[in-house]
C-alpha atoms as a PDB file:
ATOM      1  CA  MET A   1      48.574  72.910 -13.557  1.00  0.00           C
ATOM      2  CA  LEU A   2      47.244  69.893 -15.398  1.00  0.00           C
ATOM      3  CA  THR A   3      43.913  70.098 -17.786  1.00  0.00           C
ATOM      4  CA  HIS A   4      42.200  67.167 -18.594  1.00  0.00           C
ATOM      5  CA  THR A   5      44.285  66.669 -21.812  1.00  0.00           C
ATOM      6  CA  ASP A   6      47.420  66.267 -19.768  1.00  0.00           C
ATOM      7  CA  LEU A   7      46.098  63.116 -18.216  1.00  0.00           C
ATOM      8  CA  HIS A   8      47.999  60.191 -19.828  1.00  0.00           C
ATOM      9  CA  PRO A   9      48.872  57.032 -18.363  1.00  0.00           C
ATOM     10  CA  GLY A  10      51.636  57.195 -15.381  1.00  0.00           C
ATOM     11  CA  VAL A  11      50.810  60.887 -14.762  1.00  0.00           C
ATOM     12  CA  GLN A  12      50.264  61.631 -10.895  1.00  0.00           C
ATOM     13  CA  PHE A  13      47.971  64.451  -9.854  1.00  0.00           C
ATOM     14  CA  ILE A  14      45.694  65.537  -6.931  1.00  0.00           C
ATOM     15  CA  TYR A  15      41.958  65.139  -7.081  1.00  0.00           C
ATOM     16  CA  GLU A  16      39.927  65.702  -4.281  1.00  0.00           C
ATOM     17  CA  GLY A  17      42.757  66.276  -1.940  1.00  0.00           C
ATOM     18  CA  GLN A  18      44.691  62.908  -2.492  1.00  0.00           C
ATOM     19  CA  PRO A  19      47.350  61.851  -4.748  1.00  0.00           C
ATOM     20  CA  TRP A  20      46.104  59.739  -7.944  1.00  0.00           C
ATOM     21  CA  GLU A  21      47.564  57.942 -10.862  1.00  0.00           C
ATOM     22  CA  VAL A  22      46.314  57.708 -14.352  1.00  0.00           C
ATOM     23  CA  LEU A  23      46.351  53.988 -15.568  1.00  0.00           C
ATOM     24  CA  GLU A  24      44.582  54.447 -18.774  1.00  0.00           C
ATOM     25  CA  ALA A  25      43.188  57.473 -20.821  1.00  0.00           C
ATOM     26  CA  SER A  26      41.387  57.867 -24.162  1.00  0.00           C
ATOM     27  CA  MET A  27      39.677  60.840 -25.600  1.00  0.00           C
ATOM     28  CA  MET A  28      36.050  60.317 -26.818  1.00  0.00           C
ATOM     29  CA  LYS A  29      34.326  62.846 -28.899  1.00  0.00           C
ATOM     30  CA  THR A  30      30.790  62.561 -29.938  1.00  0.00           C
ATOM     31  CA  ALA A  31      28.870  64.989 -32.555  1.00  0.00           C
ATOM     32  CA  GLN A  32      28.107  68.301 -30.965  1.00  0.00           C
ATOM     33  CA  ARG A  33      29.597  67.770 -27.691  1.00  0.00           C
ATOM     34  CA  ARG A  34      33.040  68.763 -26.087  1.00  0.00           C
ATOM     35  CA  PRO A  35      35.604  66.128 -25.802  1.00  0.00           C
ATOM     36  CA  VAL A  36      35.705  64.044 -22.507  1.00  0.00           C
ATOM     37  CA  ILE A  37      38.904  62.040 -21.223  1.00  0.00           C
ATOM     38  CA  GLN A  38      37.796  58.567 -20.229  1.00  0.00           C
ATOM     39  CA  SER A  39      40.401  57.113 -17.739  1.00  0.00           C
ATOM     40  CA  LYS A  40      41.052  54.797 -15.113  1.00  0.00           C
ATOM     41  CA  ILE A  41      42.543  56.167 -12.087  1.00  0.00           C
ATOM     42  CA  ARG A  42      44.207  54.423  -9.151  1.00  0.00           C
ATOM     43  CA  ASN A  43      44.470  56.331  -5.552  1.00  0.00           C
ATOM     44  CA  LEU A  44      48.123  56.126  -4.313  1.00  0.00           C
ATOM     45  CA  ILE A  45      47.329  56.000  -0.729  1.00  0.00           C
ATOM     46  CA  ASP A  46      44.653  53.249  -0.391  1.00  0.00           C
ATOM     47  CA  GLY A  47      45.130  51.416  -3.889  1.00  0.00           C
ATOM     48  CA  ARG A  48      41.430  51.649  -5.159  1.00  0.00           C
ATOM     49  CA  VAL A  49      40.901  51.921  -8.867  1.00  0.00           C
ATOM     50  CA  GLN A  50      37.999  53.920 -10.465  1.00  0.00           C
ATOM     51  CA  GLU A  51      36.959  55.101 -13.887  1.00  0.00           C
ATOM     52  CA  LYS A  52      36.164  58.702 -14.317  1.00  0.00           C
ATOM     53  CA  ASN A  53      35.343  60.991 -17.107  1.00  0.00           C
ATOM     54  CA  PHE A  54      37.158  64.298 -16.933  1.00  0.00           C
ATOM     55  CA  GLN A  55      35.476  67.295 -19.031  1.00  0.00           C
ATOM     56  CA  GLN A  56      36.930  70.272 -20.582  1.00  0.00           C
ATOM     57  CA  GLY A  57      37.919  73.059 -18.062  1.00  0.00           C
ATOM     58  CA  ASP A  58      38.761  70.390 -15.306  1.00  0.00           C
ATOM     59  CA  VAL A  59      42.212  71.506 -13.737  1.00  0.00           C
ATOM     60  CA  PHE A  60      44.515  69.567 -11.525  1.00  0.00           C
ATOM     61  CA  ASP A  61      47.512  70.269  -9.257  1.00  0.00           C
ATOM     62  CA  GLU A  62      50.404  67.916 -10.211  1.00  0.00           C
ATOM     63  CA  ALA A  63      51.150  65.531  -7.527  1.00  0.00           C
ATOM     64  CA  ASP A  64      54.664  66.531  -5.353  1.00  0.00           C
ATOM     65  CA  LEU A  65      56.042  63.179  -4.826  1.00  0.00           C
ATOM     66  CA  GLU A  66      59.340  62.332  -3.411  1.00  0.00           C
ATOM     67  CA  LYS A  67      61.041  58.927  -3.541  1.00  0.00           C
ATOM     68  CA  LYS A  68      63.008  57.131  -0.984  1.00  0.00           C
ATOM     69  CA  GLU A  69      64.349  53.691  -0.824  1.00  0.00           C
ATOM     70  CA  ILE A  70      62.669  51.491   1.665  1.00  0.00           C
ATOM     71  CA  LYS A  71      63.075  47.547   2.637  1.00  0.00           C
ATOM     72  CA  PHE A  72      60.622  44.695   2.522  1.00  0.00           C
ATOM     73  CA  LEU A  73      60.813  42.787   5.766  1.00  0.00           C
ATOM     74  CA  TYR A  74      58.099  40.210   5.909  1.00  0.00           C
ATOM     75  CA  GLN A  75      54.503  39.302   5.406  1.00  0.00           C
ATOM     76  CA  THR A  76      51.793  38.076   7.789  1.00  0.00           C
ATOM     77  CA  LYS A  77      47.964  38.166   7.731  1.00  0.00           C
ATOM     78  CA  GLY A  78      47.676  40.185   4.729  1.00  0.00           C
ATOM     79  CA  GLN A  79      49.982  42.882   6.118  1.00  0.00           C
ATOM     80  CA  TYR A  80      53.215  43.577   4.307  1.00  0.00           C
ATOM     81  CA  PHE A  81      55.936  45.202   6.804  1.00  0.00           C
ATOM     82  CA  PHE A  82      58.659  47.630   5.706  1.00  0.00           C
ATOM     83  CA  CYS A  83      61.144  49.742   7.083  1.00  0.00           C
ATOM     84  CA  GLU A  84      63.392  52.710   5.873  1.00  0.00           C
ATOM     85  CA  LYS A  85      66.814  51.508   4.490  1.00  0.00           C
ATOM     86  CA  ASN A  86      69.111  53.066   7.274  1.00  0.00           C
ATOM     87  CA  GLU A  87      66.613  53.379  10.057  1.00  0.00           C
ATOM     88  CA  PRO A  88      65.159  49.576  10.681  1.00  0.00           C
ATOM     89  CA  ALA A  89      63.447  50.824  14.018  1.00  0.00           C
ATOM     90  CA  LYS A  90      61.168  53.113  11.510  1.00  0.00           C
ATOM     91  CA  ARG A  91      58.726  50.158  10.846  1.00  0.00           C
ATOM     92  CA  PHE A  92      55.429  50.748   8.887  1.00  0.00           C
ATOM     93  CA  PHE A  93      52.968  48.464   6.883  1.00  0.00           C
ATOM     94  CA  PHE A  94      50.845  48.281   3.718  1.00  0.00           C
ATOM     95  CA  THR A  95      47.876  45.948   3.296  1.00  0.00           C
ATOM     96  CA  GLU A  96      47.304  43.658   0.624  1.00  0.00           C
ATOM     97  CA  ALA A  97      44.582  45.939  -1.175  1.00  0.00           C
ATOM     98  CA  GLN A  98      47.163  48.854  -0.735  1.00  0.00           C
ATOM     99  CA  ILE A  99      49.831  47.129  -2.718  1.00  0.00           C
ATOM    100  CA  GLY A 100      47.784  45.289  -5.485  1.00  0.00           C
ATOM    101  CA  PRO A 101      49.219  42.430  -7.606  1.00  0.00           C
ATOM    102  CA  GLN A 102      52.934  43.579  -7.217  1.00  0.00           C
ATOM    103  CA  ALA A 103      52.676  41.979  -3.657  1.00  0.00           C
ATOM    104  CA  LYS A 104      53.756  38.450  -4.933  1.00  0.00           C
ATOM    105  CA  PHE A 105      56.884  39.396  -6.254  1.00  0.00           C
ATOM    106  CA  LEU A 106      58.201  40.676  -2.705  1.00  0.00           C
ATOM    107  CA  ARG A 107      61.275  38.903  -1.383  1.00  0.00           C
ATOM    108  CA  PRO A 108      62.509  39.522   2.337  1.00  0.00           C
ATOM    109  CA  ASN A 109      64.894  42.119   2.694  1.00  0.00           C
ATOM    110  CA  GLU A 110      64.522  43.482  -1.060  1.00  0.00           C
ATOM    111  CA  LEU A 111      65.038  47.075  -1.437  1.00  0.00           C
ATOM    112  CA  VAL A 112      62.117  48.980  -3.529  1.00  0.00           C
ATOM    113  CA  THR A 113      61.426  52.500  -4.168  1.00  0.00           C
ATOM    114  CA  GLY A 114      59.035  54.332  -1.625  1.00  0.00           C
ATOM    115  CA  ILE A 115      56.818  57.035  -2.781  1.00  0.00           C
ATOM    116  CA  VAL A 116      56.331  59.907  -0.371  1.00  0.00           C
ATOM    117  CA  PHE A 117      53.281  62.255  -0.142  1.00  0.00           C
ATOM    118  CA  GLU A 118      53.346  64.957   2.561  1.00  0.00           C
ATOM    119  CA  GLU A 119      56.267  63.389   4.540  1.00  0.00           C
ATOM    120  CA  LYS A 120      54.458  59.999   4.682  1.00  0.00           C
ATOM    121  CA  ILE A 121      55.379  56.950   2.703  1.00  0.00           C
ATOM    122  CA  ILE A 122      52.086  56.072   0.837  1.00  0.00           C
ATOM    123  CA  THR A 123      53.102  53.143  -1.456  1.00  0.00           C
ATOM    124  CA  PHE A 124      56.226  51.845  -3.441  1.00  0.00           C
ATOM    125  CA  LYS A 125      57.237  50.611  -6.813  1.00  0.00           C
ATOM    126  CA  LEU A 126      58.980  47.440  -7.660  1.00  0.00           C
ATOM    127  CA  PRO A 127      61.396  47.450 -10.538  1.00  0.00           C
ATOM    128  CA  ILE A 128      60.080  46.515 -13.837  1.00  0.00           C
ATOM    129  CA  LYS A 129      61.856  43.478 -13.923  1.00  0.00           C
ATOM    130  CA  VAL A 130      62.945  41.340 -11.158  1.00  0.00           C
ATOM    131  CA  GLN A 131      65.050  37.929 -10.919  1.00  0.00           C
ATOM    132  CA  LEU A 132      63.330  35.389  -8.798  1.00  0.00           C
ATOM    133  CA  LYS A 133      64.430  31.757  -8.162  1.00  0.00           C
ATOM    134  CA  VAL A 134      61.941  28.898  -9.175  1.00  0.00           C
ATOM    135  CA  LYS A 135      61.031  27.110  -5.989  1.00  0.00           C
ATOM    136  CA  GLU A 136      58.783  24.312  -7.976  1.00  0.00           C
ATOM    137  CA  ALA A 137      58.229  23.260 -11.619  1.00  0.00           C
ATOM    138  CA  ALA A 138      56.345  20.354 -12.798  1.00  0.00           C
ATOM    139  CA  ALA A 139      58.145  18.243 -15.283  1.00  0.00           C
ATOM    140  CA  GLY A 140      57.591  19.652 -19.030  1.00  0.00           C
ATOM    141  CA  ILE A 141      55.604  17.155 -21.263  1.00  0.00           C
ATOM    142  CA  LYS A 142      56.040  17.236 -24.808  1.00  0.00           C
ATOM    143  CA  GLY A 143      53.189  16.748 -26.847  1.00  0.00           C
ATOM    144  CA  ASP A 144      51.149  17.325 -30.332  1.00  0.00           C
ATOM    145  CA  ARG A 145      51.058  20.924 -30.537  1.00  0.00           C
ATOM    146  CA  ALA A 146      51.753  23.792 -32.712  1.00  0.00           C
ATOM    147  CA  GLN A 147      53.311  26.499 -30.424  1.00  0.00           C
ATOM    148  CA  ALA A 148      56.009  26.089 -27.624  1.00  0.00           C
ATOM    149  CA  GLY A 149      54.101  24.894 -24.465  1.00  0.00           C
ATOM    150  CA  THR A 150      54.242  26.422 -21.034  1.00  0.00           C
ATOM    151  CA  LYS A 151      53.792  25.160 -17.512  1.00  0.00           C
ATOM    152  CA  GLU A 152      53.118  26.614 -14.033  1.00  0.00           C
ATOM    153  CA  ALA A 153      56.096  27.331 -11.796  1.00  0.00           C
ATOM    154  CA  VAL A 154      56.026  28.408  -8.042  1.00  0.00           C
ATOM    155  CA  LEU A 155      58.843  31.420  -7.393  1.00  0.00           C
ATOM    156  CA  GLU A 156      60.753  31.909  -4.185  1.00  0.00           C
ATOM    157  CA  SER A 157      58.297  34.745  -3.325  1.00  0.00           C
ATOM    158  CA  GLY A 158      55.158  32.619  -3.827  1.00  0.00           C
ATOM    159  CA  ALA A 159      54.071  33.928  -6.933  1.00  0.00           C
ATOM    160  CA  VAL A 160      52.693  31.429  -9.561  1.00  0.00           C
ATOM    161  CA  ILE A 161      53.362  32.302 -13.335  1.00  0.00           C
ATOM    162  CA  GLN A 162      53.542  30.463 -16.594  1.00  0.00           C
ATOM    163  CA  VAL A 163      57.074  29.687 -17.730  1.00  0.00           C
ATOM    164  CA  PRO A 164      58.284  27.575 -20.776  1.00  0.00           C
ATOM    165  CA  LEU A 165      58.859  23.970 -20.555  1.00  0.00           C
ATOM    166  CA  PHE A 166      62.706  24.177 -20.081  1.00  0.00           C
ATOM    167  CA  ILE A 167      62.587  25.790 -16.980  1.00  0.00           C
ATOM    168  CA  GLU A 168      63.236  23.584 -14.228  1.00  0.00           C
ATOM    169  CA  GLU A 169      63.378  23.968 -10.495  1.00  0.00           C
ATOM    170  CA  GLY A 170      66.263  25.782  -9.300  1.00  0.00           C
ATOM    171  CA  ASP A 171      66.506  28.123 -12.209  1.00  0.00           C
ATOM    172  CA  VAL A 172      66.706  31.903 -12.035  1.00  0.00           C
ATOM    173  CA  ILE A 173      64.111  33.709 -14.132  1.00  0.00           C
ATOM    174  CA  GLU A 174      63.718  37.392 -14.912  1.00  0.00           C
ATOM    175  CA  VAL A 175      59.914  38.381 -14.574  1.00  0.00           C
ATOM    176  CA  ASN A 176      58.072  41.379 -15.595  1.00  0.00           C
ATOM    177  CA  THR A 177      56.314  42.753 -12.401  1.00  0.00           C
ATOM    178  CA  GLU A 178      53.679  44.974 -14.311  1.00  0.00           C
ATOM    179  CA  LEU A 179      52.559  41.985 -16.479  1.00  0.00           C
ATOM    180  CA  GLY A 180      53.192  39.166 -13.981  1.00  0.00           C
ATOM    181  CA  GLU A 181      54.706  37.424 -16.981  1.00  0.00           C
ATOM    182  CA  TYR A 182      58.074  35.329 -17.744  1.00  0.00           C
ATOM    183  CA  VAL A 183      60.628  37.242 -19.464  1.00  0.00           C
ATOM    184  CA  LYS A 184      64.055  35.115 -19.836  1.00  0.00           C
ATOM    185  CA  ARG A 185      66.284  32.914 -18.025  1.00  0.00           C
ATOM    186  CA  VAL A 186      69.118  34.344 -16.295  1.00  0.00           C
END
């Protein structure tokens, strides 16, 4: 059992019969009142995010989630199709709303970690860092500036991110999928 003070970023728990993950949590205490945990939580099944306050005395069950490798196949009309790693006939899909911002870093035939709740795959996690090839990058123009410059680049997955001026078309770069930012050239 988890109490309201156990809710930290990354903790997965059961709330209203569904699995949720804590994105942000902070303790708030005002004069002559009990402490309250202000949190931002994400539903792991449908992907919606909401802000919630938890009081002293609130208790939750820890989410019993399993992990399984799944393969991303393709994307069409806002739906992302996957299959089990060793059984391509067992196909399923997630909508863009369920996946969230990590959708733009998926490549066909890429293996990701599926999250299983009550024997059903409800979502997936990408690795924190992925390597992607730069498909398009404008020429870097030097100018009058105090800091290093950046430019937009289109990656093989279709994502558009800011990269340093020295990155060219065809380079392979490492991207942080949680922040959606350039890390380094590989």
